[in-house]
Amino acid sequence: MKHDVALWAGLTALFTNLAAIFAVDTIGSNNQAKILGVIGASLIVGATVYCKQRWDDAKKPDAVS
């Protein structure tokens, strides 16, 4: 796979963000809107890290598309 570093960086950010927010959320009430918000925010963070890593890889001089 060409972009395995970007994929692992994105997945790590996704699950780390999910774990952190769910850990904080367990202190408060547990309703469905919060859970969907947490999942949405985590997907955005994971996708952003993935795109940033892909962008950095593409800027390297030895990058092959």
N, C-alpha and C. Protein backbone atom coordinates (compact mmCIF):
# COMPACT_ATOMS: atom_id res chain seq x y z
N MET A 1 0.85 -1.19 0.00
CA MET A 1 0.00 0.00 0.00
C MET A 1 0.88 1.24 0.00
N LYS A 2 0.56 2.20 -0.85
CA LYS A 2 1.38 3.39 -0.99
C LYS A 2 1.32 4.30 0.23
N HIS A 3 0.15 4.45 0.79
CA HIS A 3 -0.05 5.46 1.83
C HIS A 3 -0.36 4.81 3.17
N ASP A 4 0.37 3.76 3.50
CA ASP A 4 0.07 3.07 4.75
C ASP A 4 0.39 3.92 5.98
N VAL A 5 1.40 4.79 5.91
CA VAL A 5 1.71 5.66 7.04
C VAL A 5 0.57 6.63 7.27
N ALA A 6 0.03 7.19 6.21
CA ALA A 6 -1.10 8.12 6.34
C ALA A 6 -2.32 7.41 6.90
N LEU A 7 -2.57 6.20 6.46
CA LEU A 7 -3.71 5.44 6.96
C LEU A 7 -3.57 5.16 8.45
N TRP A 8 -2.40 4.68 8.86
CA TRP A 8 -2.19 4.39 10.28
C TRP A 8 -2.23 5.66 11.13
N ALA A 9 -1.72 6.77 10.62
CA ALA A 9 -1.78 8.03 11.36
C ALA A 9 -3.24 8.47 11.54
N GLY A 10 -4.02 8.36 10.49
CA GLY A 10 -5.43 8.73 10.58
C GLY A 10 -6.22 7.84 11.52
N LEU A 11 -5.98 6.53 11.44
CA LEU A 11 -6.68 5.60 12.33
C LEU A 11 -6.28 5.79 13.78
N THR A 12 -5.00 6.05 14.01
CA THR A 12 -4.53 6.30 15.38
C THR A 12 -5.19 7.55 15.94
N ALA A 13 -5.25 8.61 15.14
CA ALA A 13 -5.90 9.85 15.59
C ALA A 13 -7.38 9.62 15.86
N LEU A 14 -8.03 8.86 14.99
CA LEU A 14 -9.45 8.57 15.16
C LEU A 14 -9.72 7.87 16.49
N PHE A 15 -9.02 6.76 16.73
CA PHE A 15 -9.31 5.98 17.93
C PHE A 15 -8.80 6.64 19.20
N THR A 16 -7.72 7.40 19.11
CA THR A 16 -7.25 8.14 20.29
C THR A 16 -8.24 9.22 20.67
N ASN A 17 -8.76 9.92 19.66
CA ASN A 17 -9.76 10.95 19.92
C ASN A 17 -11.04 10.34 20.48
N LEU A 18 -11.48 9.22 19.92
CA LEU A 18 -12.66 8.54 20.44
C LEU A 18 -12.47 8.13 21.89
N ALA A 19 -11.33 7.54 22.20
CA ALA A 19 -11.06 7.09 23.56
C ALA A 19 -11.03 8.25 24.54
N ALA A 20 -10.38 9.34 24.15
CA ALA A 20 -10.29 10.49 25.04
C ALA A 20 -11.66 11.11 25.31
N ILE A 21 -12.45 11.29 24.27
CA ILE A 21 -13.74 11.93 24.45
C ILE A 21 -14.71 11.01 25.19
N PHE A 22 -14.68 9.72 24.90
CA PHE A 22 -15.55 8.81 25.63
C PHE A 22 -15.15 8.72 27.10
N ALA A 23 -13.86 8.80 27.38
CA ALA A 23 -13.42 8.80 28.78
C ALA A 23 -13.94 10.02 29.52
N VAL A 24 -13.89 11.17 28.87
CA VAL A 24 -14.42 12.38 29.49
C VAL A 24 -15.94 12.32 29.58
N ASP A 25 -16.58 11.75 28.57
CA ASP A 25 -18.03 11.68 28.52
C ASP A 25 -18.61 10.76 29.59
N THR A 26 -17.86 9.78 30.03
CA THR A 26 -18.38 8.86 31.05
C THR A 26 -18.62 9.56 32.38
N ILE A 27 -17.95 10.68 32.57
CA ILE A 27 -18.16 11.45 33.79
C ILE A 27 -19.55 12.09 33.78
N GLY A 28 -19.98 12.56 32.60
CA GLY A 28 -21.28 13.22 32.47
C GLY A 28 -22.38 12.23 32.13
N SER A 29 -23.50 12.77 31.69
CA SER A 29 -24.62 11.92 31.30
C SER A 29 -24.33 11.26 29.95
N ASN A 30 -25.00 10.17 29.69
CA ASN A 30 -24.73 9.39 28.48
C ASN A 30 -25.97 9.41 27.58
N ASN A 31 -26.05 10.38 26.68
CA ASN A 31 -27.18 10.40 25.76
C ASN A 31 -26.69 10.23 24.32
N GLN A 32 -27.63 9.92 23.46
CA GLN A 32 -27.30 9.54 22.09
C GLN A 32 -26.73 10.70 21.28
N ALA A 33 -27.16 11.90 21.50
CA ALA A 33 -26.65 13.05 20.75
C ALA A 33 -25.17 13.28 21.03
N LYS A 34 -24.76 13.10 22.28
CA LYS A 34 -23.34 13.24 22.62
C LYS A 34 -22.50 12.19 21.92
N ILE A 35 -22.98 10.97 21.90
CA ILE A 35 -22.23 9.88 21.28
C ILE A 35 -22.06 10.13 19.79
N LEU A 36 -23.13 10.55 19.12
CA LEU A 36 -23.02 10.86 17.68
C LEU A 36 -22.09 12.03 17.43
N GLY A 37 -22.11 13.02 18.32
CA GLY A 37 -21.19 14.15 18.20
C GLY A 37 -19.74 13.72 18.36
N VAL A 38 -19.50 12.83 19.31
CA VAL A 38 -18.14 12.31 19.54
C VAL A 38 -17.65 11.55 18.32
N ILE A 39 -18.49 10.71 17.78
CA ILE A 39 -18.09 9.92 16.60
C ILE A 39 -17.84 10.85 15.41
N GLY A 40 -18.69 11.83 15.22
CA GLY A 40 -18.50 12.79 14.12
C GLY A 40 -17.21 13.57 14.26
N ALA A 41 -16.96 14.07 15.47
CA ALA A 41 -15.72 14.83 15.70
C ALA A 41 -14.49 13.95 15.51
N SER A 42 -14.57 12.71 15.95
CA SER A 42 -13.43 11.81 15.80
C SER A 42 -13.17 11.47 14.34
N LEU A 43 -14.22 11.30 13.56
CA LEU A 43 -14.05 11.05 12.13
C LEU A 43 -13.39 12.24 11.44
N ILE A 44 -13.77 13.44 11.83
CA ILE A 44 -13.17 14.63 11.25
C ILE A 44 -11.69 14.72 11.61
N VAL A 45 -11.36 14.46 12.87
CA VAL A 45 -9.95 14.50 13.29
C VAL A 45 -9.14 13.43 12.56
N GLY A 46 -9.66 12.21 12.49
CA GLY A 46 -8.95 11.14 11.80
C GLY A 46 -8.73 11.44 10.32
N ALA A 47 -9.76 11.96 9.66
CA ALA A 47 -9.64 12.29 8.24
C ALA A 47 -8.67 13.44 8.01
N THR A 48 -8.65 14.40 8.93
CA THR A 48 -7.73 15.52 8.80
C THR A 48 -6.29 15.07 8.93
N VAL A 49 -6.02 14.21 9.90
CA VAL A 49 -4.65 13.70 10.07
C VAL A 49 -4.24 12.87 8.86
N TYR A 50 -5.15 12.04 8.36
CA TYR A 50 -4.87 11.24 7.16
C TYR A 50 -4.52 12.13 5.97
N CYS A 51 -5.33 13.16 5.74
CA CYS A 51 -5.08 14.07 4.61
C CYS A 51 -3.77 14.84 4.78
N LYS A 52 -3.49 15.26 5.99
CA LYS A 52 -2.24 15.98 6.24
C LYS A 52 -1.03 15.09 5.97
N GLN A 53 -1.10 13.83 6.39
CA GLN A 53 0.01 12.91 6.14
C GLN A 53 0.16 12.64 4.64
N ARG A 54 -0.95 12.48 3.93
CA ARG A 54 -0.89 12.28 2.48
C ARG A 54 -0.29 13.50 1.81
N TRP A 55 -0.66 14.70 2.27
CA TRP A 55 -0.13 15.94 1.71
C TRP A 55 1.37 16.02 1.93
N ASP A 56 1.82 15.69 3.15
CA ASP A 56 3.25 15.70 3.44
C ASP A 56 4.01 14.69 2.59
N ASP A 57 3.41 13.51 2.40
CA ASP A 57 4.05 12.49 1.55
C ASP A 57 4.14 12.95 0.11
N ALA A 58 3.12 13.64 -0.37
CA ALA A 58 3.10 14.10 -1.76
C ALA A 58 4.14 15.20 -2.00
N LYS A 59 4.48 15.96 -0.97
CA LYS A 59 5.44 17.05 -1.13
C LYS A 59 6.89 16.56 -1.11
N LYS A 60 7.10 15.30 -0.72
CA LYS A 60 8.47 14.78 -0.72
C LYS A 60 8.97 14.66 -2.15
N PRO A 61 10.25 14.91 -2.36
CA PRO A 61 10.79 14.88 -3.74
C PRO A 61 10.73 13.50 -4.38
N ASP A 62 10.77 12.45 -3.60
CA ASP A 62 10.77 11.10 -4.16
C ASP A 62 9.37 10.49 -4.18
N ALA A 63 8.32 11.31 -4.05
CA ALA A 63 6.95 10.81 -4.04
C ALA A 63 6.56 10.33 -5.42
N VAL A 64 5.91 9.16 -5.46
CA VAL A 64 5.43 8.61 -6.72
C VAL A 64 3.92 8.50 -6.61
N SER A 65 3.20 9.06 -7.58
CA SER A 65 1.74 9.04 -7.54
C SER A 65 1.20 7.74 -8.03
